[in-house]
Amino acid sequence: MTADRKIGDVILTVDNISLAFGGVKALTDVSFDVREHEILAIIGPNGAGKSSMLNVINGFYHPQQGAITYRGLTRAQMKPHEAAEQGIARTFQNIALFKGMSTLDNIMTGRNLKMKVNFLLQALHFGPALKEELEHRAACEKVIDFLEIEHIRKTPVGKLPYGLQKRVELGRALAAEPSLLLLDEPMAGMNIEEKQDMCRFILDVNDEFGTTIVLIEHDMGVVMDISDRVVVLDYGRKIAAGTPDDVRRNQDVIDAYLGVGHD
């Protein structure tokens, strides 16, 4: 957990969210909040409802019950593009990059919502469109520099090792300059060294850009050191919430999540 950061007011409130697919309940009466500038981890075993929760926050899924309030605006439903326009960006558990495109071009796609010039001028690559593209390219180059991937900026991402692909996906999300970043298992499938690098970048994004981060993980170990607060889900229900130390000592978490018996 990082020190000397000022955690702000609540910017996102998840209130009594329930979500079901047919007769299968994915989430049941889940409530928590997210504060500005913090790193909040949502953890739990596979199938606990973590990704479903993230999909509700950014509008991919619409809950049957409950509401989400983001920066004072309460909604029962929101479309993903509306979430993006409000400054919410996310990465995906399964990498969703354009494999034949270069690192730079993939990161440039994260700037789509920032582009204001009309399509015809973009196609002609003329005047304001050229100026705008140069500005967007410069913003993407900053992200590339920040993530230390200058050496692969022209490499097709399909040729990159898995850990670097995950870093490119983080770069694409950062290119949108989000105020709230949702990370869906950013360290899944990584080796120890790659996990350490990703932890460092997550902390740096939070520290240098002031970005509020909600990340989900099933590996408790990798989030305990970087999270300000932790929410634990099990079978779609919230079973614990608090500081990493509080959660680590919670017997419900030990029983349901870690599978460790009483001492």
Protein backbone atom coordinates (compact mmCIF):
# COMPACT_ATOMS: atom_id res chain seq x y z
CA MET A 1 0.00 0.00 0.00
CA THR A 2 1.36 3.39 -0.93
CA ALA A 3 1.95 6.15 1.58
CA ASP A 4 1.66 9.96 1.55
CA ARG A 5 -1.23 9.97 -0.91
CA LYS A 6 -4.35 11.96 -0.19
CA ILE A 7 -7.43 9.79 -0.57
CA GLY A 8 -10.38 11.97 -1.59
CA ASP A 9 -14.14 11.77 -1.30
CA VAL A 10 -16.33 8.93 -2.56
CA ILE A 11 -16.68 9.13 -6.36
CA LEU A 12 -18.38 5.79 -7.05
CA THR A 13 -21.08 4.10 -4.99
CA VAL A 14 -22.28 0.57 -5.76
CA ASP A 15 -25.63 0.17 -4.00
CA ASN A 16 -27.34 -3.20 -3.50
CA ILE A 17 -26.44 -4.60 -6.94
CA SER A 18 -27.98 -7.94 -7.90
CA LEU A 19 -27.36 -9.59 -11.26
CA ALA A 20 -28.62 -12.89 -12.60
CA PHE A 21 -28.36 -14.76 -15.89
CA GLY A 22 -31.50 -16.84 -16.21
CA GLY A 23 -31.75 -18.63 -12.88
CA VAL A 24 -28.06 -18.24 -12.05
CA LYS A 25 -27.20 -15.45 -9.62
CA ALA A 26 -23.90 -13.77 -10.43
CA LEU A 27 -24.17 -10.99 -7.81
CA THR A 28 -26.45 -10.71 -4.80
CA ASP A 29 -27.02 -7.42 -2.97
CA VAL A 30 -23.44 -6.13 -3.33
CA SER A 31 -22.62 -2.65 -1.99
CA PHE A 32 -19.32 -0.76 -1.64
CA ASP A 33 -17.81 2.59 -2.55
CA VAL A 34 -14.65 3.87 -4.24
CA ARG A 35 -12.80 7.00 -3.13
CA GLU A 36 -10.87 9.36 -5.35
CA HIS A 37 -7.17 8.52 -5.83
CA GLU A 38 -7.37 5.18 -4.03
CA ILE A 39 -6.55 1.68 -5.24
CA LEU A 40 -9.45 -0.63 -4.44
CA ALA A 41 -9.04 -4.36 -5.03
CA ILE A 42 -11.97 -6.70 -5.55
CA ILE A 43 -10.81 -10.23 -4.83
CA GLY A 44 -12.35 -13.66 -4.60
CA PRO A 45 -12.04 -17.16 -6.04
CA ASN A 46 -12.78 -17.88 -9.69
CA GLY A 47 -16.51 -17.57 -10.27
CA ALA A 48 -17.03 -15.21 -7.32
CA GLY A 49 -18.57 -12.50 -9.52
CA LYS A 50 -15.59 -10.15 -9.83
CA SER A 51 -15.70 -9.66 -13.61
CA SER A 52 -19.49 -9.37 -13.50
CA MET A 53 -19.11 -6.54 -10.99
CA LEU A 54 -16.67 -4.72 -13.27
CA ASN A 55 -19.03 -5.23 -16.22
CA VAL A 56 -21.87 -3.67 -14.23
CA ILE A 57 -19.74 -0.63 -13.32
CA ASN A 58 -18.87 0.17 -16.92
CA GLY A 59 -22.21 -0.72 -18.48
CA PHE A 60 -21.62 -4.08 -20.16
CA TYR A 61 -24.13 -5.73 -17.83
CA HIS A 62 -27.35 -4.18 -16.51
CA PRO A 63 -28.31 -5.35 -13.01
CA GLN A 64 -31.86 -6.40 -12.15
CA GLN A 65 -31.60 -4.59 -8.83
CA GLY A 66 -29.62 -1.72 -7.37
CA ALA A 67 -27.95 1.38 -8.74
CA ILE A 68 -24.53 2.90 -9.30
CA THR A 69 -23.70 6.52 -8.52
CA TYR A 70 -20.66 8.01 -10.25
CA ARG A 71 -19.64 11.57 -9.42
CA GLY A 72 -23.12 12.40 -8.16
CA LEU A 73 -25.04 10.89 -11.09
CA THR A 74 -27.13 7.84 -10.16
CA ARG A 75 -28.02 5.33 -12.83
CA ALA A 76 -29.56 1.91 -13.04
CA GLN A 77 -28.18 1.33 -16.52
CA MET A 78 -25.40 2.86 -18.58
CA LYS A 79 -23.90 1.92 -21.92
CA PRO A 80 -20.13 1.29 -22.19
CA HIS A 81 -19.55 4.31 -24.47
CA GLU A 82 -21.28 6.54 -21.91
CA ALA A 83 -18.97 5.19 -19.21
CA ALA A 84 -15.98 5.91 -21.45
CA GLU A 85 -17.19 9.46 -22.08
CA GLN A 86 -17.41 9.98 -18.29
CA GLY A 87 -13.75 9.01 -17.88
CA ILE A 88 -14.06 5.30 -17.04
CA ALA A 89 -11.61 3.01 -18.86
CA ARG A 90 -10.94 -0.70 -18.45
CA THR A 91 -8.76 -3.59 -19.47
CA PHE A 92 -9.98 -7.13 -20.03
CA GLN A 93 -9.09 -10.49 -18.53
CA ASN A 94 -8.58 -11.89 -22.03
CA ILE A 95 -6.36 -9.56 -24.04
CA ALA A 96 -8.45 -7.65 -26.60
CA LEU A 97 -5.78 -6.03 -28.78
CA PHE A 98 -5.51 -5.75 -32.56
CA LYS A 99 -2.83 -8.40 -33.04
CA GLY A 100 -1.73 -7.29 -36.52
CA MET A 101 -1.28 -3.65 -35.51
CA SER A 102 1.77 -2.12 -33.88
CA THR A 103 2.02 -1.18 -30.21
CA LEU A 104 1.71 2.52 -31.09
CA ASP A 105 -1.35 1.98 -33.31
CA ASN A 106 -3.06 -0.11 -30.62
CA ILE A 107 -2.47 2.60 -28.03
CA MET A 108 -3.74 5.21 -30.51
CA THR A 109 -7.12 3.43 -30.58
CA GLY A 110 -7.50 4.45 -26.94
CA ARG A 111 -7.66 8.07 -28.12
CA ASN A 112 -10.79 7.57 -30.27
CA LEU A 113 -13.12 9.44 -27.91
CA LYS A 114 -10.69 12.35 -27.79
CA MET A 115 -10.82 12.89 -31.56
CA LYS A 116 -13.06 15.83 -32.50
CA VAL A 117 -12.28 16.40 -36.20
CA ASN A 118 -14.88 14.97 -38.60
CA PHE A 119 -14.30 11.71 -40.43
CA LEU A 120 -13.83 13.28 -43.89
CA LEU A 121 -11.00 15.54 -42.72
CA GLN A 122 -9.42 12.56 -40.95
CA ALA A 123 -9.56 10.55 -44.17
CA LEU A 124 -7.97 13.42 -46.12
CA HIS A 125 -5.30 13.76 -43.40
CA PHE A 126 -5.41 17.51 -43.89
CA GLY A 127 -5.29 20.71 -41.83
CA PRO A 128 -6.97 20.35 -38.42
CA ALA A 129 -7.00 16.56 -38.76
CA LEU A 130 -3.24 16.43 -39.20
CA LYS A 131 -2.71 18.75 -36.22
CA GLU A 132 -5.06 16.67 -34.09
CA GLU A 133 -3.38 13.39 -35.04
CA LEU A 134 0.03 14.79 -34.13
CA GLU A 135 -1.32 15.85 -30.73
CA HIS A 136 -2.84 12.41 -30.11
CA ARG A 137 0.34 10.70 -31.25
CA ALA A 138 2.37 12.82 -28.81
CA ALA A 139 0.01 11.80 -25.97
CA CYS A 140 0.46 8.14 -26.91
CA GLU A 141 4.23 8.52 -27.03
CA LYS A 142 4.09 9.79 -23.44
CA VAL A 143 2.20 6.64 -22.42
CA ILE A 144 4.73 4.47 -24.25
CA ASP A 145 7.57 6.25 -22.47
CA PHE A 146 5.80 5.92 -19.10
CA LEU A 147 5.31 2.15 -19.56
CA GLU A 148 8.89 1.68 -20.79
CA ILE A 149 7.87 0.05 -24.09
CA GLU A 150 9.69 2.36 -26.53
CA HIS A 151 11.61 -0.61 -27.94
CA ILE A 152 8.40 -2.30 -29.14
CA ARG A 153 6.47 0.75 -30.34
CA LYS A 154 6.52 -0.44 -33.97
CA THR A 155 6.24 -4.18 -33.26
CA PRO A 156 2.95 -5.96 -34.12
CA VAL A 157 1.48 -6.86 -30.74
CA GLY A 158 0.74 -10.43 -31.86
CA LYS A 159 4.49 -11.04 -31.84
CA LEU A 160 4.98 -9.82 -28.27
CA PRO A 161 5.26 -12.05 -25.20
CA TYR A 162 2.16 -12.20 -23.00
CA GLY A 163 3.44 -9.87 -20.28
CA LEU A 164 4.21 -7.11 -22.78
CA GLN A 165 0.81 -7.53 -24.44
CA LYS A 166 -0.81 -6.91 -21.06
CA ARG A 167 1.30 -3.78 -20.71
CA VAL A 168 0.19 -2.56 -24.16
CA GLU A 169 -3.43 -3.09 -23.14
CA LEU A 170 -2.82 -1.00 -20.03
CA GLY A 171 -1.30 1.64 -22.32
CA ARG A 172 -4.39 1.71 -24.51
CA ALA A 173 -6.58 2.31 -21.44
CA LEU A 174 -4.24 5.06 -20.20
CA ALA A 175 -4.32 6.78 -23.59
CA ALA A 176 -7.96 7.66 -22.89
CA GLU A 177 -6.75 9.68 -19.85
CA PRO A 178 -9.31 8.08 -17.52
CA SER A 179 -10.13 9.35 -14.05
CA LEU A 180 -11.31 5.84 -13.06
CA LEU A 181 -9.41 2.81 -14.35
CA LEU A 182 -10.91 -0.67 -14.08
CA LEU A 183 -8.34 -3.48 -14.35
CA ASP A 184 -9.64 -7.01 -14.93
CA GLU A 185 -7.01 -9.44 -13.61
CA PRO A 186 -4.08 -7.39 -14.96
CA MET A 187 -1.57 -9.97 -13.72
CA ALA A 188 -3.30 -13.18 -14.81
CA GLY A 189 -0.93 -15.58 -16.55
CA MET A 190 2.19 -13.60 -15.66
CA ASN A 191 5.40 -14.85 -14.12
CA ILE A 192 6.76 -13.33 -10.89
CA GLU A 193 8.90 -10.71 -12.62
CA GLU A 194 6.04 -9.60 -14.89
CA LYS A 195 3.72 -9.33 -11.88
CA GLN A 196 6.25 -7.14 -10.07
CA ASP A 197 6.52 -4.86 -13.12
CA MET A 198 2.73 -4.59 -13.44
CA CYS A 199 2.39 -3.78 -9.71
CA ARG A 200 4.94 -1.01 -10.13
CA PHE A 201 3.11 0.47 -13.13
CA ILE A 202 -0.25 0.35 -11.33
CA LEU A 203 1.24 2.21 -8.36
CA ASP A 204 2.90 4.74 -10.68
CA VAL A 205 -0.35 5.37 -12.61
CA ASN A 206 -2.12 6.01 -9.33
CA ASP A 207 0.68 8.19 -7.97
CA GLU A 208 1.73 10.23 -11.01
CA PHE A 209 -1.62 10.65 -12.79
CA GLY A 210 -3.84 10.61 -9.69
CA THR A 211 -5.97 7.94 -11.37
CA THR A 212 -8.45 6.09 -9.18
CA ILE A 213 -8.03 2.34 -9.73
CA VAL A 214 -10.37 -0.59 -9.18
CA LEU A 215 -8.66 -3.88 -9.89
CA ILE A 216 -9.90 -7.42 -9.62
CA GLU A 217 -7.69 -10.40 -8.91
CA HIS A 218 -8.05 -13.93 -7.63
CA ASP A 219 -4.42 -13.95 -6.46
CA MET A 220 -4.67 -12.33 -3.03
CA GLY A 221 -0.91 -12.03 -2.62
CA VAL A 222 -0.33 -9.61 -5.50
CA VAL A 223 -2.96 -7.09 -4.39
CA MET A 224 -2.34 -6.90 -0.66
CA ASP A 225 0.78 -4.76 -0.99
CA ILE A 226 -0.65 -2.23 -3.46
CA SER A 227 -4.28 -1.80 -2.35
CA ASP A 228 -5.65 0.82 0.02
CA ARG A 229 -8.83 -1.19 0.58
CA VAL A 230 -10.07 -4.63 -0.41
CA VAL A 231 -13.56 -5.97 -1.12
CA VAL A 232 -13.97 -9.75 -1.02
CA LEU A 233 -16.64 -11.56 -3.03
CA ASP A 234 -17.62 -15.21 -2.72
CA TYR A 235 -20.43 -16.81 -4.73
CA GLY A 236 -21.62 -13.35 -5.78
CA ARG A 237 -21.90 -11.97 -2.24
CA LYS A 238 -19.67 -9.51 -0.41
CA ILE A 239 -18.22 -11.35 2.57
CA ALA A 240 -15.68 -8.76 3.75
CA ALA A 241 -14.31 -5.28 3.10
CA GLY A 242 -11.60 -3.16 4.69
CA THR A 243 -7.87 -2.61 4.73
CA PRO A 244 -5.64 -5.43 3.47
CA ASP A 245 -4.68 -6.29 7.06
CA ASP A 246 -8.34 -6.41 8.14
CA VAL A 247 -9.24 -8.68 5.25
CA ARG A 248 -6.22 -10.89 5.76
CA ARG A 249 -7.32 -11.59 9.34
CA ASN A 250 -11.03 -12.03 8.57
CA GLN A 251 -12.04 -15.60 9.37
CA ASP A 252 -14.80 -15.64 6.75
CA VAL A 253 -12.19 -14.80 4.11
CA ILE A 254 -9.80 -17.42 5.44
CA ASP A 255 -12.51 -20.07 5.38
CA ALA A 256 -14.19 -19.20 2.09
CA TYR A 257 -11.35 -17.83 0.04
CA LEU A 258 -8.06 -19.21 1.24
CA GLY A 259 -9.40 -22.61 2.20
CA VAL A 260 -7.27 -22.50 5.35
CA GLY A 261 -8.62 -24.01 8.56
CA HIS A 262 -8.56 -22.44 12.00
CA ASP A 263 -5.25 -22.46 13.85
